[in-house]
Amino acid sequence: MVALLGVAEPLRSGRPVPPHNLSAPSTKDDGPMHRVIQWSGGIGSWATAELVVRQHPDDEVTLLFAGVLIEDSDLYRFNADASERLGIPITRVCDGRTPFELFRDSRFSEMLGSRRVPVP
């Protein structure tokens, strides 16, 4: 089983989706779970990871970080320190482009209907 924590819920018909209960949905013991935490490199994702590790010590935990290649260097220092303290490596996903390169490659500025949007 996989539990996703820290993932934003989509909007449907302009109304927010009710939040999921992040506690275990059933009382039966299915064994350890693999918990995936969306890791932003901020204090909120660190606190979530700390809580999950403390409350579910037998479960496997993945810290999933979406790298955008333009973060401040201190974020990466914090990631390394937090990973060491939690004892969990951070899994980084990145396709090698910055958001600006992605906008340019996907013609994001044309989707906005204006060429006045600066895209380096």
N, C-alpha and C. Protein backbone atom coordinates (compact mmCIF):
# COMPACT_ATOMS: atom_id res chain seq x y z
N MET A 1 0.84 -1.18 0.00
CA MET A 1 0.00 0.00 0.00
C MET A 1 0.89 1.25 0.00
N VAL A 2 0.40 2.31 -0.60
CA VAL A 2 1.13 3.57 -0.64
C VAL A 2 0.23 4.66 -0.11
N ALA A 3 0.76 5.47 0.79
CA ALA A 3 0.02 6.62 1.30
C ALA A 3 0.72 7.88 0.82
N LEU A 4 0.01 8.76 0.16
CA LEU A 4 0.58 10.02 -0.30
C LEU A 4 0.20 11.11 0.69
N LEU A 5 1.20 11.82 1.20
CA LEU A 5 0.96 12.89 2.15
C LEU A 5 1.50 14.19 1.58
N GLY A 6 0.81 15.27 1.83
CA GLY A 6 1.28 16.57 1.39
C GLY A 6 1.00 16.87 -0.07
N VAL A 7 0.09 16.13 -0.68
CA VAL A 7 -0.24 16.35 -2.08
C VAL A 7 -1.49 17.21 -2.16
N ALA A 8 -1.43 18.29 -2.91
CA ALA A 8 -2.58 19.19 -3.04
C ALA A 8 -3.70 18.50 -3.81
N GLU A 9 -4.90 18.70 -3.37
CA GLU A 9 -6.07 18.12 -4.03
C GLU A 9 -6.55 19.06 -5.14
N PRO A 10 -7.01 18.52 -6.25
CA PRO A 10 -7.50 19.38 -7.33
C PRO A 10 -8.85 19.99 -6.99
N LEU A 11 -9.18 21.05 -7.69
CA LEU A 11 -10.50 21.66 -7.54
C LEU A 11 -11.44 21.04 -8.56
N ARG A 12 -12.65 20.80 -8.17
CA ARG A 12 -13.67 20.28 -9.08
C ARG A 12 -14.83 21.27 -9.07
N SER A 13 -15.20 21.72 -10.22
CA SER A 13 -16.30 22.67 -10.37
C SER A 13 -16.09 23.91 -9.52
N GLY A 14 -14.84 24.30 -9.32
CA GLY A 14 -14.56 25.50 -8.55
C GLY A 14 -14.68 25.33 -7.05
N ARG A 15 -15.09 24.15 -6.59
CA ARG A 15 -15.23 23.92 -5.16
C ARG A 15 -14.07 23.05 -4.66
N PRO A 16 -13.48 23.39 -3.51
CA PRO A 16 -12.39 22.57 -3.00
C PRO A 16 -12.87 21.16 -2.68
N VAL A 17 -12.00 20.20 -2.91
CA VAL A 17 -12.29 18.82 -2.54
C VAL A 17 -12.08 18.70 -1.04
N PRO A 18 -12.98 18.04 -0.31
CA PRO A 18 -12.78 17.89 1.13
C PRO A 18 -11.45 17.19 1.40
N PRO A 19 -10.72 17.61 2.44
CA PRO A 19 -9.43 16.98 2.72
C PRO A 19 -9.60 15.52 3.14
N HIS A 20 -8.62 14.71 2.78
CA HIS A 20 -8.64 13.32 3.18
C HIS A 20 -8.21 13.19 4.62
N ASN A 21 -8.70 12.19 5.28
CA ASN A 21 -8.25 11.86 6.61
C ASN A 21 -6.89 11.19 6.46
N LEU A 22 -5.82 11.78 7.00
CA LEU A 22 -4.49 11.25 6.81
C LEU A 22 -4.17 10.10 7.76
N SER A 23 -5.08 9.79 8.67
CA SER A 23 -4.84 8.63 9.53
C SER A 23 -5.23 7.37 8.76
N ALA A 24 -4.83 6.24 9.29
CA ALA A 24 -5.11 4.97 8.61
C ALA A 24 -6.62 4.81 8.43
N PRO A 25 -7.08 4.48 7.19
CA PRO A 25 -8.51 4.41 6.93
C PRO A 25 -9.18 3.17 7.52
N SER A 26 -8.42 2.15 7.83
CA SER A 26 -9.05 0.95 8.37
C SER A 26 -8.31 0.52 9.62
N THR A 27 -8.93 -0.32 10.41
CA THR A 27 -8.32 -0.81 11.63
C THR A 27 -7.63 -2.15 11.44
N LYS A 28 -7.84 -2.81 10.29
CA LYS A 28 -7.18 -4.09 10.08
C LYS A 28 -5.70 -3.87 9.78
N ASP A 29 -4.88 -4.81 10.18
CA ASP A 29 -3.44 -4.67 10.01
C ASP A 29 -3.02 -5.29 8.68
N ASP A 30 -2.68 -4.43 7.71
CA ASP A 30 -2.21 -4.90 6.41
C ASP A 30 -0.69 -4.95 6.37
N GLY A 31 -0.04 -4.75 7.49
CA GLY A 31 1.41 -4.72 7.52
C GLY A 31 1.92 -3.32 7.26
N PRO A 32 3.24 -3.19 7.16
CA PRO A 32 3.83 -1.86 6.93
C PRO A 32 3.39 -1.25 5.60
N MET A 33 3.29 0.07 5.59
CA MET A 33 2.94 0.80 4.37
C MET A 33 4.18 1.50 3.84
N HIS A 34 4.13 1.87 2.58
CA HIS A 34 5.16 2.72 1.98
C HIS A 34 4.55 4.11 1.90
N ARG A 35 5.09 5.02 2.67
CA ARG A 35 4.54 6.37 2.75
C ARG A 35 5.40 7.32 1.91
N VAL A 36 4.77 8.06 1.01
CA VAL A 36 5.46 9.02 0.14
C VAL A 36 5.08 10.42 0.58
N ILE A 37 6.08 11.21 0.94
CA ILE A 37 5.85 12.57 1.41
C ILE A 37 6.38 13.53 0.35
N GLN A 38 5.53 14.43 -0.13
CA GLN A 38 5.97 15.45 -1.08
C GLN A 38 6.87 16.42 -0.33
N TRP A 39 8.15 16.38 -0.63
CA TRP A 39 9.16 17.15 0.10
C TRP A 39 9.45 18.45 -0.64
N SER A 40 9.17 19.59 0.02
CA SER A 40 9.40 20.89 -0.61
C SER A 40 10.74 21.48 -0.20
N GLY A 41 11.28 20.97 0.89
CA GLY A 41 12.50 21.57 1.42
C GLY A 41 12.19 22.66 2.42
N GLY A 42 10.94 22.75 2.82
CA GLY A 42 10.52 23.74 3.81
C GLY A 42 10.21 23.10 5.15
N ILE A 43 9.92 23.92 6.11
CA ILE A 43 9.68 23.44 7.48
C ILE A 43 8.42 22.59 7.56
N GLY A 44 7.42 22.86 6.70
CA GLY A 44 6.18 22.07 6.73
C GLY A 44 6.40 20.64 6.30
N SER A 45 7.18 20.43 5.24
CA SER A 45 7.42 19.06 4.79
C SER A 45 8.35 18.35 5.77
N TRP A 46 9.28 19.08 6.40
CA TRP A 46 10.12 18.47 7.41
C TRP A 46 9.28 18.01 8.61
N ALA A 47 8.38 18.88 9.07
CA ALA A 47 7.53 18.53 10.20
C ALA A 47 6.64 17.33 9.87
N THR A 48 6.13 17.28 8.65
CA THR A 48 5.31 16.14 8.22
C THR A 48 6.13 14.86 8.26
N ALA A 49 7.34 14.91 7.71
CA ALA A 49 8.20 13.73 7.70
C ALA A 49 8.55 13.28 9.12
N GLU A 50 8.90 14.22 9.97
CA GLU A 50 9.23 13.92 11.37
C GLU A 50 8.04 13.23 12.06
N LEU A 51 6.84 13.75 11.84
CA LEU A 51 5.64 13.18 12.45
C LEU A 51 5.36 11.77 11.92
N VAL A 52 5.47 11.59 10.61
CA VAL A 52 5.20 10.28 10.01
C VAL A 52 6.20 9.24 10.51
N VAL A 53 7.47 9.61 10.55
CA VAL A 53 8.50 8.67 11.02
C VAL A 53 8.26 8.31 12.48
N ARG A 54 7.87 9.29 13.28
CA ARG A 54 7.61 9.03 14.70
C ARG A 54 6.37 8.17 14.91
N GLN A 55 5.30 8.45 14.16
CA GLN A 55 4.05 7.71 14.35
C GLN A 55 4.03 6.35 13.66
N HIS A 56 4.85 6.16 12.64
CA HIS A 56 4.85 4.92 11.86
C HIS A 56 6.28 4.42 11.68
N PRO A 57 6.95 4.01 12.77
CA PRO A 57 8.36 3.65 12.68
C PRO A 57 8.66 2.42 11.82
N ASP A 58 7.68 1.57 11.60
CA ASP A 58 7.90 0.35 10.82
C ASP A 58 7.65 0.54 9.33
N ASP A 59 7.09 1.68 8.95
CA ASP A 59 6.74 1.92 7.54
C ASP A 59 7.93 2.47 6.76
N GLU A 60 7.98 2.11 5.48
CA GLU A 60 8.98 2.67 4.59
C GLU A 60 8.53 4.07 4.20
N VAL A 61 9.45 5.03 4.17
CA VAL A 61 9.12 6.42 3.86
C VAL A 61 10.00 6.90 2.70
N THR A 62 9.37 7.54 1.73
CA THR A 62 10.09 8.19 0.63
C THR A 62 9.81 9.68 0.70
N LEU A 63 10.88 10.48 0.68
CA LEU A 63 10.76 11.93 0.61
C LEU A 63 10.95 12.30 -0.86
N LEU A 64 9.89 12.77 -1.50
CA LEU A 64 9.90 13.03 -2.94
C LEU A 64 10.03 14.53 -3.19
N PHE A 65 11.16 14.93 -3.77
CA PHE A 65 11.48 16.34 -4.01
C PHE A 65 11.50 16.61 -5.50
N ALA A 66 10.69 17.56 -5.95
CA ALA A 66 10.67 17.96 -7.37
C ALA A 66 11.62 19.14 -7.54
N GLY A 67 12.79 18.87 -8.08
CA GLY A 67 13.80 19.90 -8.24
C GLY A 67 13.49 20.80 -9.43
N VAL A 68 13.62 22.11 -9.23
CA VAL A 68 13.35 23.06 -10.30
C VAL A 68 14.60 23.82 -10.74
N LEU A 69 15.72 23.49 -10.12
CA LEU A 69 17.04 24.02 -10.51
C LEU A 69 17.23 25.51 -10.29
N ILE A 70 16.33 26.18 -9.61
CA ILE A 70 16.50 27.62 -9.36
C ILE A 70 16.33 27.96 -7.89
N GLU A 71 16.35 26.96 -7.04
CA GLU A 71 16.19 27.21 -5.60
C GLU A 71 17.47 27.81 -5.02
N ASP A 72 17.33 28.48 -3.90
CA ASP A 72 18.48 29.02 -3.18
C ASP A 72 19.34 27.86 -2.69
N SER A 73 20.64 28.05 -2.65
CA SER A 73 21.55 26.98 -2.24
C SER A 73 21.27 26.52 -0.81
N ASP A 74 20.73 27.39 0.02
CA ASP A 74 20.44 27.00 1.41
C ASP A 74 19.36 25.92 1.47
N LEU A 75 18.47 25.87 0.49
CA LEU A 75 17.45 24.83 0.46
C LEU A 75 18.12 23.45 0.35
N TYR A 76 19.13 23.36 -0.49
CA TYR A 76 19.81 22.09 -0.68
C TYR A 76 20.61 21.71 0.56
N ARG A 77 21.17 22.70 1.26
CA ARG A 77 21.84 22.42 2.53
C ARG A 77 20.84 21.90 3.55
N PHE A 78 19.67 22.56 3.63
CA PHE A 78 18.62 22.11 4.54
C PHE A 78 18.18 20.69 4.20
N ASN A 79 18.01 20.41 2.90
CA ASN A 79 17.62 19.06 2.48
C ASN A 79 18.62 18.02 2.96
N ALA A 80 19.90 18.30 2.79
CA ALA A 80 20.94 17.36 3.22
C ALA A 80 20.92 17.16 4.73
N ASP A 81 20.80 18.26 5.48
CA ASP A 81 20.75 18.16 6.94
C ASP A 81 19.51 17.39 7.41
N ALA A 82 18.36 17.71 6.82
CA ALA A 82 17.11 17.05 7.22
C ALA A 82 17.14 15.57 6.87
N SER A 83 17.65 15.24 5.70
CA SER A 83 17.75 13.85 5.27
C SER A 83 18.62 13.05 6.25
N GLU A 84 19.73 13.64 6.64
CA GLU A 84 20.62 12.97 7.59
C GLU A 84 19.94 12.79 8.94
N ARG A 85 19.28 13.83 9.42
CA ARG A 85 18.62 13.75 10.74
C ARG A 85 17.48 12.73 10.73
N LEU A 86 16.70 12.70 9.64
CA LEU A 86 15.59 11.76 9.55
C LEU A 86 16.06 10.34 9.23
N GLY A 87 17.25 10.22 8.67
CA GLY A 87 17.75 8.91 8.27
C GLY A 87 17.08 8.38 7.01
N ILE A 88 16.61 9.30 6.16
CA ILE A 88 15.89 8.93 4.94
C ILE A 88 16.50 9.71 3.78
N PRO A 89 16.91 9.04 2.72
CA PRO A 89 17.42 9.79 1.57
C PRO A 89 16.27 10.51 0.85
N ILE A 90 16.60 11.62 0.21
CA ILE A 90 15.60 12.36 -0.55
C ILE A 90 15.65 11.88 -2.00
N THR A 91 14.49 11.51 -2.52
CA THR A 91 14.37 11.10 -3.92
C THR A 91 14.03 12.35 -4.73
N ARG A 92 14.93 12.71 -5.64
CA ARG A 92 14.76 13.93 -6.43
C ARG A 92 14.31 13.59 -7.84
N VAL A 93 13.25 14.26 -8.29
CA VAL A 93 12.81 14.12 -9.68
C VAL A 93 13.00 15.48 -10.36
N CYS A 94 13.54 15.45 -11.57
CA CYS A 94 13.80 16.68 -12.31
C CYS A 94 14.08 16.30 -13.75
N ASP A 95 13.52 17.03 -14.69
CA ASP A 95 13.79 16.70 -16.09
C ASP A 95 14.93 17.54 -16.66
N GLY A 96 15.59 18.33 -15.81
CA GLY A 96 16.75 19.08 -16.24
C GLY A 96 16.47 20.50 -16.71
N ARG A 97 15.21 20.94 -16.65
CA ARG A 97 14.85 22.29 -17.09
C ARG A 97 14.39 23.12 -15.92
N THR A 98 14.66 24.42 -16.00
CA THR A 98 14.10 25.35 -15.02
C THR A 98 12.65 25.62 -15.43
N PRO A 99 11.85 26.21 -14.54
CA PRO A 99 10.49 26.56 -14.95
C PRO A 99 10.46 27.49 -16.16
N PHE A 100 11.42 28.39 -16.27
CA PHE A 100 11.45 29.32 -17.40
C PHE A 100 11.71 28.58 -18.71
N GLU A 101 12.59 27.59 -18.67
CA GLU A 101 12.85 26.78 -19.86
C GLU A 101 11.63 25.96 -20.24
N LEU A 102 10.93 25.46 -19.22
CA LEU A 102 9.70 24.71 -19.47
C LEU A 102 8.64 25.60 -20.11
N PHE A 103 8.49 26.82 -19.60
CA PHE A 103 7.52 27.76 -20.18
C PHE A 103 7.86 28.02 -21.64
N ARG A 104 9.14 28.27 -21.92
CA ARG A 104 9.56 28.54 -23.29
C ARG A 104 9.30 27.32 -24.18
N ASP A 105 9.69 26.13 -23.70
CA ASP A 105 9.53 24.92 -24.50
C ASP A 105 8.07 24.56 -24.75
N SER A 106 7.20 24.89 -23.80
CA SER A 106 5.78 24.55 -23.96
C SER A 106 4.97 25.72 -24.50
N ARG A 107 5.64 26.80 -24.85
CA ARG A 107 4.99 28.00 -25.38
C ARG A 107 3.94 28.54 -24.41
N PHE A 108 4.30 28.51 -23.14
CA PHE A 108 3.41 28.97 -22.08
C PHE A 108 2.97 30.41 -22.31
N SER A 109 3.90 31.27 -22.77
CA SER A 109 3.54 32.68 -22.96
C SER A 109 2.45 32.83 -24.02
N GLU A 110 2.42 31.94 -25.03
CA GLU A 110 1.36 32.00 -26.04
C GLU A 110 0.03 31.56 -25.46
N MET A 111 0.07 30.64 -24.50
CA MET A 111 -1.18 30.19 -23.88
C MET A 111 -1.84 31.32 -23.11
N LEU A 112 -1.03 32.25 -22.61
CA LEU A 112 -1.58 33.38 -21.88
C LEU A 112 -2.19 34.41 -22.82
N GLY A 113 -1.86 34.32 -24.10
CA GLY A 113 -2.40 35.26 -25.06
C GLY A 113 -1.67 36.57 -25.09
N SER A 114 -0.47 36.61 -24.52
CA SER A 114 0.29 37.85 -24.52
C SER A 114 1.76 37.53 -24.70
N ARG A 115 2.41 38.27 -25.54
CA ARG A 115 3.84 38.10 -25.72
C ARG A 115 4.61 39.03 -24.78
N ARG A 116 3.89 39.75 -23.94
CA ARG A 116 4.58 40.65 -22.99
C ARG A 116 5.04 39.92 -21.75
N VAL A 117 4.75 38.61 -21.64
CA VAL A 117 5.20 37.84 -20.50
C VAL A 117 6.68 37.52 -20.71
N PRO A 118 7.56 37.98 -19.80
CA PRO A 118 8.99 37.75 -20.01
C PRO A 118 9.34 36.28 -19.77
N VAL A 119 9.93 35.65 -20.76
CA VAL A 119 10.42 34.29 -20.63
C VAL A 119 11.86 34.31 -21.09
N PRO A 120 12.80 34.11 -20.13
CA PRO A 120 14.22 34.18 -20.51
C PRO A 120 14.59 33.12 -21.52
